C-alpha cells in the first residue's frame, strides 16, 4: 500500500496530532486550510519553484565523494545542501512558510533557532518577501554561533535571547511558542523542523522533500542505477532527514538511516538521542518519542551540535521507527568532530557539526557495506562552527590560532 500519512487529524500512526489550547487550534485550522489550498495552487508552486532555482540555487549538487569512497570502501555521495543560499537545507521550508504567511495576511514571522541556520534562513526569506521577523535563541547557542547571530541582525531581524533553563533549543521553542500564543493573528510561528502541532510536521516535510526528489533524479542520471542502496541523514527535530527520506519511503529496496547525537554518553543530560532512549510523550503541541524525567516532563539534553539538542523528534520519524522503515543510530561528539575534520581534509568540504554526525555514520556504514552506494544529506556548511571547533578542539587536530 502506498504510504500516505499524516491522516486528516495530523497523526502519523499514534504520533503527531495537535495538543494545543482551543483558541490557538482555530488559528492552526486556518493555517491548515490555507496550506492545503497553497500546495494545490499552481501559482504558489510556480513562485516557490522560481525562488528555489533563481534565489536558493536549486537543484543542489549530488557530489560523488571519491576520496572518501576510496578510503572507506563504499560509493559515498553527498547531497550538497550546504551550497544553498544561507548555507543549509533550512531555506527550503522557510521560503514556503513565509510565502504562506503572506497568503494569510500576516505581518511578522517568528521562530526558534538552535545552530542559527533556521534563524538565518527565515530572516533571509522575511527580508526578501517584506515581513518582520523575530528569532528566539538560547544564550548558550548565541555564544556558540555568533556568525549566524550577526547575519540575522544584518538581515534586519530581532534576535531575542532566551535566558531560561538550559538556555538552548528547547527553551527557545518554549519562549517562541509563548510569544505566538499571545498574538497568533498578526504573526506566524514558522516552525523550524518537522515538529509542532499539525500541519507543521507535514508542511515542513513537504517543502523539504525537494531534497529527496532531486536525489532520485540525480542519482539515476549520474550512475545509471534506479535507486541508491542507502540514505543517511542527521536527526534532531528531523527536517533534513525527512526531506531526504520521504520520496523514498515506498522504495523498500532503499535502506534509510537517521543519526542522532549521542553526545558525551548515556547519562541524562549528556545526549539528545530521543528515539534511542525516549518514550512516547507530548511536547510543544504534538506527540512523539520524547526524552522524559520521572514526572514525564522533557528531560535535559546535550549535543555538541546546537541544531540537534532537542528532547523530542518529528512525529513522522517516531512512526517510521515503530514500523521499522527507518533505522536510527547515534554518533558521539568525538565521532562527529572526527568526521568534521575528515571531510574537510580529504574532500575540501567543511560541514556543519550537525551534518558531521551523518558523515560519521556513513563512514561506519561504508565499512559494513563495501561497494554499496550511500547518499548522505550534507544538510549544512560549517562556517558557523569554525570558531567553536577551533577553540574547543583545534589543538587536538594540530590547529593553533
Protein backbone atom coordinates (compact mmCIF):
# COMPACT_ATOMS: atom_id res chain seq x y z
CA UNK A 1 0.00 0.00 0.00
CA UNK A 2 1.30 3.45 -0.90
CA UNK A 3 2.49 5.48 2.08
CA UNK A 4 0.01 8.28 2.73
CA UNK A 5 0.46 9.97 6.11
CA UNK A 6 -0.47 12.01 8.07
CA UNK A 7 -4.19 11.34 8.39
CA UNK A 8 -6.72 14.19 8.37
CA UNK A 9 -6.03 14.89 12.05
CA UNK A 10 -2.29 15.10 11.57
CA UNK A 11 -1.36 11.73 13.02
CA UNK A 12 1.47 9.51 11.79
CA UNK A 13 0.32 6.30 13.43
CA UNK A 14 -0.02 7.26 17.11
CA UNK A 15 2.25 10.30 16.81
CA UNK A 16 1.64 13.92 15.83
CA UNK A 17 -1.77 15.49 16.17
CA UNK A 18 -2.43 18.86 17.79
CA UNK A 19 -2.43 19.25 21.58
CA UNK A 20 -2.91 22.99 21.97
CA UNK A 21 -5.41 25.47 23.51
CA UNK A 22 -8.75 25.76 21.72
CA UNK A 23 -8.23 29.38 20.71
CA UNK A 24 -4.89 28.52 19.11
CA UNK A 25 -6.40 25.46 17.44
CA UNK A 26 -8.74 27.75 15.49
CA UNK A 27 -5.72 29.59 14.09
CA UNK A 28 -3.98 26.29 13.34
CA UNK A 29 -7.06 25.11 11.44
CA UNK A 30 -6.92 28.26 9.31
CA UNK A 31 -3.24 27.60 8.57
CA UNK A 32 -4.05 24.01 7.62
CA UNK A 33 -6.84 25.06 5.25
CA UNK A 34 -4.69 27.71 3.59
CA UNK A 35 -1.69 25.39 3.31
CA UNK A 36 -3.79 22.74 1.57
CA UNK A 37 -5.00 25.38 -0.87
CA UNK A 38 -1.46 26.64 -1.44
CA UNK A 39 0.07 23.25 -2.16
CA UNK A 40 -2.55 22.70 -4.88
CA UNK A 41 -2.25 26.23 -6.25
CA UNK A 42 -0.13 26.32 -9.45
CA UNK A 43 0.77 29.98 -8.87
CA UNK A 44 2.06 29.33 -5.34
CA UNK A 45 4.11 26.36 -6.54
CA UNK A 46 5.41 28.34 -9.52
CA UNK A 47 6.63 31.17 -7.28
CA UNK A 48 8.25 28.74 -4.86
CA UNK A 49 9.95 26.83 -7.71
CA UNK A 50 11.23 30.12 -9.17
CA UNK A 51 12.77 31.10 -5.82
CA UNK A 52 14.29 27.63 -5.37
CA UNK A 53 16.00 27.86 -8.73
CA UNK A 54 16.97 31.52 -9.02
CA UNK A 55 17.38 32.55 -5.38
CA UNK A 56 18.41 29.41 -3.49
CA UNK A 57 20.37 27.86 -6.36
CA UNK A 58 18.47 24.58 -6.67
CA UNK A 59 18.95 21.86 -7.61
CA UNK A 60 21.81 21.44 -5.16
CA UNK A 61 24.55 19.13 -6.50
CA UNK A 62 24.84 15.43 -5.73
CA UNK A 63 28.59 15.01 -5.34
CA UNK A 64 30.40 11.67 -5.61
CA UNK A 65 32.94 11.89 -2.76
CA UNK A 66 35.58 9.79 -4.47
CA UNK A 67 38.31 10.32 -1.88
CA UNK A 68 36.02 9.31 0.96
CA UNK A 69 34.70 6.40 -1.11
CA UNK A 70 38.16 5.10 -1.91
CA UNK A 71 39.29 5.31 1.70
CA UNK A 72 36.26 3.59 3.27
CA UNK A 73 35.16 1.16 0.56
CA UNK A 74 31.62 2.24 -0.39
CA UNK A 75 30.41 4.69 -3.02
CA UNK A 76 29.58 7.77 -0.96
CA UNK A 77 27.56 10.64 -2.40
CA UNK A 78 26.89 13.98 -0.72
CA UNK A 79 23.68 15.91 -1.32
CA UNK A 80 25.15 19.40 -1.13
CA UNK A 81 22.50 21.33 0.80
CA UNK A 82 25.44 23.24 2.26
CA UNK A 83 25.67 25.05 -1.09
CA UNK A 84 22.19 26.53 -0.86
CA UNK A 85 21.88 30.27 -0.29
CA UNK A 86 22.22 30.76 3.51
CA UNK A 87 24.26 27.56 3.82
CA UNK A 88 21.78 24.82 4.76
CA UNK A 89 18.56 23.00 3.91
CA UNK A 90 16.52 25.34 6.12
CA UNK A 91 15.89 27.86 3.33
CA UNK A 92 13.70 25.25 1.58
CA UNK A 93 10.88 25.40 4.11
CA UNK A 94 11.47 28.97 5.23
CA UNK A 95 10.62 30.34 1.79
CA UNK A 96 7.48 28.19 1.76
CA UNK A 97 6.44 29.30 5.23
CA UNK A 98 6.96 32.99 4.54
CA UNK A 99 5.04 32.76 1.27
CA UNK A 100 2.24 31.08 3.24
CA UNK A 101 2.39 33.81 5.90
CA UNK A 102 1.87 36.42 3.18
CA UNK A 103 -1.15 34.49 1.83
CA UNK A 104 -2.57 34.53 5.35
CA UNK A 105 -2.07 38.29 5.65
CA UNK A 106 0.49 38.06 8.47
CA UNK A 107 2.82 40.98 9.19
CA UNK A 108 5.54 39.08 11.04
CA UNK A 109 7.12 35.63 11.21
CA UNK A 110 8.69 34.33 14.42
CA UNK A 111 10.74 31.23 15.11
CA UNK A 112 13.20 29.46 17.35
CA UNK A 113 16.71 28.52 16.29
CA UNK A 114 19.48 26.36 17.73
CA UNK A 115 22.50 26.40 15.44
CA UNK A 116 21.15 29.56 13.85
CA UNK A 117 20.62 28.13 10.36
CA UNK A 118 16.83 28.21 10.60
CA UNK A 119 17.04 31.71 12.04
CA UNK A 120 19.26 32.94 9.21
CA UNK A 121 17.08 31.27 6.58
CA UNK A 122 13.86 32.73 7.99
CA UNK A 123 15.46 36.16 8.37
CA UNK A 124 16.55 35.92 4.75
CA UNK A 125 13.12 34.89 3.47
CA UNK A 126 11.43 37.60 5.55
CA UNK A 127 13.78 40.27 4.19
CA UNK A 128 13.17 39.11 0.63
CA UNK A 129 9.40 38.96 0.95
CA UNK A 130 8.87 42.01 3.13
CA UNK A 131 7.84 40.67 6.54
CA UNK A 132 9.13 41.49 10.02
CA UNK A 133 10.99 38.69 11.82
CA UNK A 134 11.81 37.78 15.45
CA UNK A 135 14.13 34.86 16.24
CA UNK A 136 14.30 33.28 19.71
CA UNK A 137 17.69 31.78 20.53
CA UNK A 138 19.17 30.40 23.75
CA UNK A 139 22.05 32.33 25.27
CA UNK A 140 24.30 29.25 25.11
CA UNK A 141 23.68 28.93 21.39
CA UNK A 142 24.11 32.67 20.83
CA UNK A 143 27.60 32.38 22.31
CA UNK A 144 28.44 29.29 20.19
CA UNK A 145 27.00 30.57 16.91
CA UNK A 146 27.99 34.23 16.77
CA UNK A 147 28.43 34.35 12.96
CA UNK A 148 24.79 33.37 12.47
CA UNK A 149 23.61 35.80 15.14
CA UNK A 150 25.36 38.64 13.29
CA UNK A 151 23.88 37.50 9.97
CA UNK A 152 20.37 37.64 11.41
CA UNK A 153 20.91 41.13 12.75
CA UNK A 154 22.35 42.34 9.43
CA UNK A 155 19.22 40.99 7.72
CA UNK A 156 17.07 43.20 9.94
CA UNK A 157 15.81 40.52 12.31
CA UNK A 158 15.36 40.94 16.06
CA UNK A 159 17.26 38.22 17.93
CA UNK A 160 15.57 37.53 21.27
CA UNK A 161 17.97 35.97 23.84
CA UNK A 162 16.43 33.13 25.84
CA UNK A 163 17.73 33.06 29.43
CA UNK A 164 15.59 30.30 30.99
CA UNK A 165 16.50 26.69 31.78
CA UNK A 166 19.46 25.33 29.84
CA UNK A 167 19.28 28.35 27.52
CA UNK A 168 19.35 26.18 24.38
CA UNK A 169 16.92 24.98 21.70
CA UNK A 170 14.11 23.55 23.84
CA UNK A 171 13.82 26.78 25.84
CA UNK A 172 13.93 28.82 22.62
CA UNK A 173 10.94 26.83 21.37
CA UNK A 174 9.15 27.35 24.72
CA UNK A 175 9.50 31.13 24.64
CA UNK A 176 8.69 31.42 20.95
CA UNK A 177 5.56 29.32 21.47
CA UNK A 178 4.54 31.59 24.37
CA UNK A 179 5.00 34.66 22.16
CA UNK A 180 2.90 33.08 19.44
CA UNK A 181 0.04 32.25 21.82
CA UNK A 182 -0.10 35.92 22.81
CA UNK A 183 -0.60 37.01 19.19
CA UNK A 184 -1.43 34.29 16.63
CA UNK A 185 -3.39 36.75 14.48
CA UNK A 186 -0.75 39.14 13.10
CA UNK A 187 2.22 36.75 13.20
CA UNK A 188 3.01 33.21 12.04
CA UNK A 189 5.22 30.86 14.02
CA UNK A 190 7.37 29.47 11.22
CA UNK A 191 8.41 26.25 12.97
CA UNK A 192 11.95 25.21 12.11
CA UNK A 193 11.61 21.45 11.78
CA UNK A 194 9.12 18.61 11.24
CA UNK A 195 7.74 19.18 14.75
CA UNK A 196 4.90 21.07 16.42
CA UNK A 197 1.13 20.74 16.03
CA UNK A 198 -0.47 19.74 12.74
CA UNK A 199 0.01 20.85 9.94
CA UNK A 200 3.64 21.85 10.59
CA UNK A 201 5.25 18.36 10.54
CA UNK A 202 3.60 17.69 7.18
CA UNK A 203 4.17 21.19 5.81
CA UNK A 204 7.88 21.34 6.60
CA UNK A 205 8.33 17.79 5.27
CA UNK A 206 6.59 18.66 2.02
CA UNK A 207 8.74 21.74 1.45
CA UNK A 208 11.92 19.77 2.30
CA UNK A 209 11.01 16.81 0.06
CA UNK A 210 12.57 18.71 -2.84
CA UNK A 211 15.85 17.25 -1.48
CA UNK A 212 14.91 13.59 -1.92
CA UNK A 213 13.09 14.25 -5.19
CA UNK A 214 16.25 15.77 -6.65
CA UNK A 215 18.39 12.90 -5.34
CA UNK A 216 16.20 10.35 -7.15
CA UNK A 217 16.70 12.06 -10.48
CA UNK A 218 20.37 12.97 -9.96
CA UNK A 219 21.43 9.52 -8.78
CA UNK A 220 19.88 7.79 -11.77
CA UNK A 221 21.41 10.31 -14.21
CA UNK A 222 24.88 10.07 -12.67
CA UNK A 223 25.10 6.34 -12.04
CA UNK A 224 22.59 4.70 -14.37
CA UNK A 225 21.17 2.90 -11.34
CA UNK A 226 17.50 3.35 -10.49
CA UNK A 227 17.97 3.96 -6.77
CA UNK A 228 20.73 4.35 -4.17
CA UNK A 229 21.05 1.47 -1.70
CA UNK A 230 21.42 3.59 1.45
CA UNK A 231 20.41 7.05 2.66
CA UNK A 232 21.91 8.76 5.73
CA UNK A 233 20.90 11.99 7.49
CA UNK A 234 21.28 13.52 10.94
CA UNK A 235 18.18 13.82 13.13
CA UNK A 236 17.42 16.44 15.77
CA UNK A 237 13.86 17.51 15.04
CA UNK A 238 14.41 15.79 11.73
CA UNK A 239 13.62 18.15 8.83
CA UNK A 240 16.65 17.44 6.65
CA UNK A 241 16.23 13.70 7.16
CA UNK A 242 12.52 13.75 6.29
CA UNK A 243 13.31 15.83 3.23
CA UNK A 244 15.67 13.13 2.01
CA UNK A 245 13.69 10.09 3.18
CA UNK A 246 10.12 10.98 2.25
CA UNK A 247 10.32 10.47 -1.54
CA UNK A 248 11.92 7.05 -0.92
CA UNK A 249 9.55 5.61 1.69
CA UNK A 250 7.75 3.36 -0.81
CA UNK A 251 11.08 2.22 -2.32
CA UNK A 252 11.65 -0.67 0.06
CA UNK A 253 14.99 -1.64 -1.50
CA UNK A 254 16.46 1.60 -0.14
CA UNK A 255 17.79 1.41 3.43
CA UNK A 256 17.42 4.62 5.44
CA UNK A 257 19.43 5.65 8.50
CA UNK A 258 18.65 8.52 10.86
CA UNK A 259 21.59 9.62 13.02
CA UNK A 260 21.01 11.10 16.47
CA UNK A 261 23.53 12.82 18.79
CA UNK A 262 25.00 10.50 21.44
CA UNK A 263 26.84 13.49 22.92
CA UNK A 264 29.13 12.66 25.83
CA UNK A 265 27.45 9.41 26.89
CA UNK A 266 24.24 7.73 28.04
CA UNK A 267 23.57 9.68 31.25
CA UNK A 268 20.60 12.06 31.27
CA UNK A 269 21.75 15.45 30.07
CA UNK A 270 24.75 14.04 28.22
CA UNK A 271 22.98 13.26 24.92
CA UNK A 272 19.96 14.08 22.75
CA UNK A 273 19.25 10.59 21.36
CA UNK A 274 15.48 10.87 21.53
CA UNK A 275 14.49 7.82 19.51
CA UNK A 276 17.20 5.68 21.08
CA UNK A 277 16.37 6.45 24.72
CA UNK A 278 13.00 8.21 24.69
CA UNK A 279 9.41 7.04 25.04
CA UNK A 280 6.12 8.45 23.71
CA UNK A 281 5.09 11.78 25.21
CA UNK A 282 3.78 15.23 24.33
CA UNK A 283 5.89 18.35 23.80
CA UNK A 284 5.15 21.66 22.07
CA UNK A 285 1.69 20.59 20.96
CA UNK A 286 2.42 17.18 19.41
CA UNK A 287 3.08 13.57 20.40
CA UNK A 288 6.42 11.94 19.64
CA UNK A 289 9.28 10.00 21.16
CA UNK A 290 10.46 12.20 24.00
CA UNK A 291 13.31 12.19 26.49
CA UNK A 292 11.49 12.50 29.83
CA UNK A 293 12.20 12.78 33.53
CA UNK A 294 10.43 10.69 36.19
CA UNK A 295 7.43 13.05 36.04
CA UNK A 296 7.04 12.83 32.26
CA UNK A 297 8.43 16.33 31.65
CA UNK A 298 11.06 16.83 28.92
CA UNK A 299 14.48 15.99 30.34
CA UNK A 300 17.66 17.98 29.87
CA UNK A 301 19.59 17.24 26.69
CA UNK A 302 23.01 17.99 25.22
CA UNK A 303 24.82 17.83 21.92
CA UNK A 304 27.95 19.45 20.54
CA UNK A 305 25.66 20.39 17.63
CA UNK A 306 23.28 23.18 18.65
CA UNK A 307 20.79 22.18 15.96
CA UNK A 308 20.38 18.66 17.37
CA UNK A 309 19.91 19.24 21.13
CA UNK A 310 16.12 18.86 21.29
CA UNK A 311 14.37 16.38 23.64
CA UNK A 312 11.66 15.50 21.09
CA UNK A 313 11.71 14.41 17.45
CA UNK A 314 9.38 14.70 14.49
CA UNK A 315 6.24 12.53 14.79
CA UNK A 316 6.84 11.02 11.38
CA UNK A 317 10.27 9.85 12.49
CA UNK A 318 8.64 8.33 15.57
CA UNK A 319 6.24 6.36 13.40
CA UNK A 320 8.91 5.32 10.89
CA UNK A 321 10.93 3.95 13.80
CA UNK A 322 7.97 1.93 15.10
CA UNK A 323 7.10 0.42 11.70
CA UNK A 324 10.78 -0.37 11.04
CA UNK A 325 11.08 1.64 7.84
CA UNK A 326 13.99 3.78 9.08
CA UNK A 327 16.93 2.59 11.19
CA UNK A 328 18.04 5.02 13.90
CA UNK A 329 21.55 5.07 15.36
CA UNK A 330 23.64 7.63 17.21
CA UNK A 331 27.06 9.22 16.99
CA UNK A 332 29.16 10.73 19.79
CA UNK A 333 30.58 14.24 19.90
CA UNK A 334 34.06 12.86 19.27
CA UNK A 335 32.96 10.83 16.24
CA UNK A 336 31.20 13.87 14.81
CA UNK A 337 34.22 16.16 15.27
CA UNK A 338 36.49 13.50 13.76
CA UNK A 339 34.19 13.39 10.73
CA UNK A 340 34.16 17.20 10.58
CA UNK A 341 37.92 17.22 10.09
CA UNK A 342 37.97 14.08 7.92
CA UNK A 343 35.61 15.51 5.32
CA UNK A 344 37.38 18.87 5.45
CA UNK A 345 40.80 17.38 4.87
CA UNK A 346 40.13 14.71 2.24
CA UNK A 347 37.31 16.31 0.23
CA UNK A 348 37.84 20.03 0.91
CA UNK A 349 34.31 20.40 2.31
CA UNK A 350 33.82 21.87 5.80
CA UNK A 351 30.48 20.51 7.09
CA UNK A 352 28.20 21.74 9.82
CA UNK A 353 28.67 19.80 13.07
CA UNK A 354 25.06 18.59 12.68
CA UNK A 355 25.85 17.16 9.24
CA UNK A 356 29.10 15.71 10.58
CA UNK A 357 27.02 13.23 12.59
CA UNK A 358 25.64 11.86 9.31
CA UNK A 359 29.10 11.79 7.73
CA UNK A 360 30.46 9.89 10.73
CA UNK A 361 27.75 7.25 10.49
CA UNK A 362 28.20 6.96 6.71
CA UNK A 363 31.87 6.14 7.31
CA UNK A 364 30.86 3.35 9.71
CA UNK A 365 28.24 2.09 7.26
CA UNK A 366 30.73 2.09 4.39
CA UNK A 367 32.93 -0.35 6.29
CA UNK A 368 29.92 -2.63 6.84
CA UNK A 369 28.67 -2.45 3.24
CA UNK A 370 31.67 -2.33 0.89
CA UNK A 371 30.82 -1.43 -2.66
CA UNK A 372 27.30 -0.23 -1.88
CA UNK A 373 26.01 3.28 -2.63
CA UNK A 374 25.42 5.66 0.27
CA UNK A 375 23.81 9.09 -0.13
CA UNK A 376 24.45 11.48 2.78
CA UNK A 377 22.38 14.61 3.19
CA UNK A 378 25.08 17.20 3.85
CA UNK A 379 22.49 19.47 5.43
CA UNK A 380 24.68 22.49 6.16
CA UNK A 381 28.11 24.05 5.92
CA UNK A 382 30.49 24.55 8.81
CA UNK A 383 31.26 28.27 8.60
CA UNK A 384 29.09 28.89 11.67
CA UNK A 385 31.03 26.29 13.70
CA UNK A 386 34.62 27.19 12.92
CA UNK A 387 35.35 29.39 15.95
CA UNK A 388 33.70 26.93 18.35
CA UNK A 389 35.51 23.93 16.87
CA UNK A 390 38.92 25.57 16.91
CA UNK A 391 38.51 26.96 20.44
CA UNK A 392 37.43 23.58 21.82
CA UNK A 393 39.10 21.00 19.57
CA UNK A 394 41.73 22.79 17.48
CA UNK A 395 44.80 21.72 19.41
CA UNK A 396 43.79 18.04 19.13
CA UNK A 397 43.93 18.41 15.36
CA UNK A 398 47.08 20.49 15.19
CA UNK A 399 45.45 23.91 14.77
CA UNK A 400 46.50 26.93 16.80
CA UNK A 401 45.21 30.49 16.48
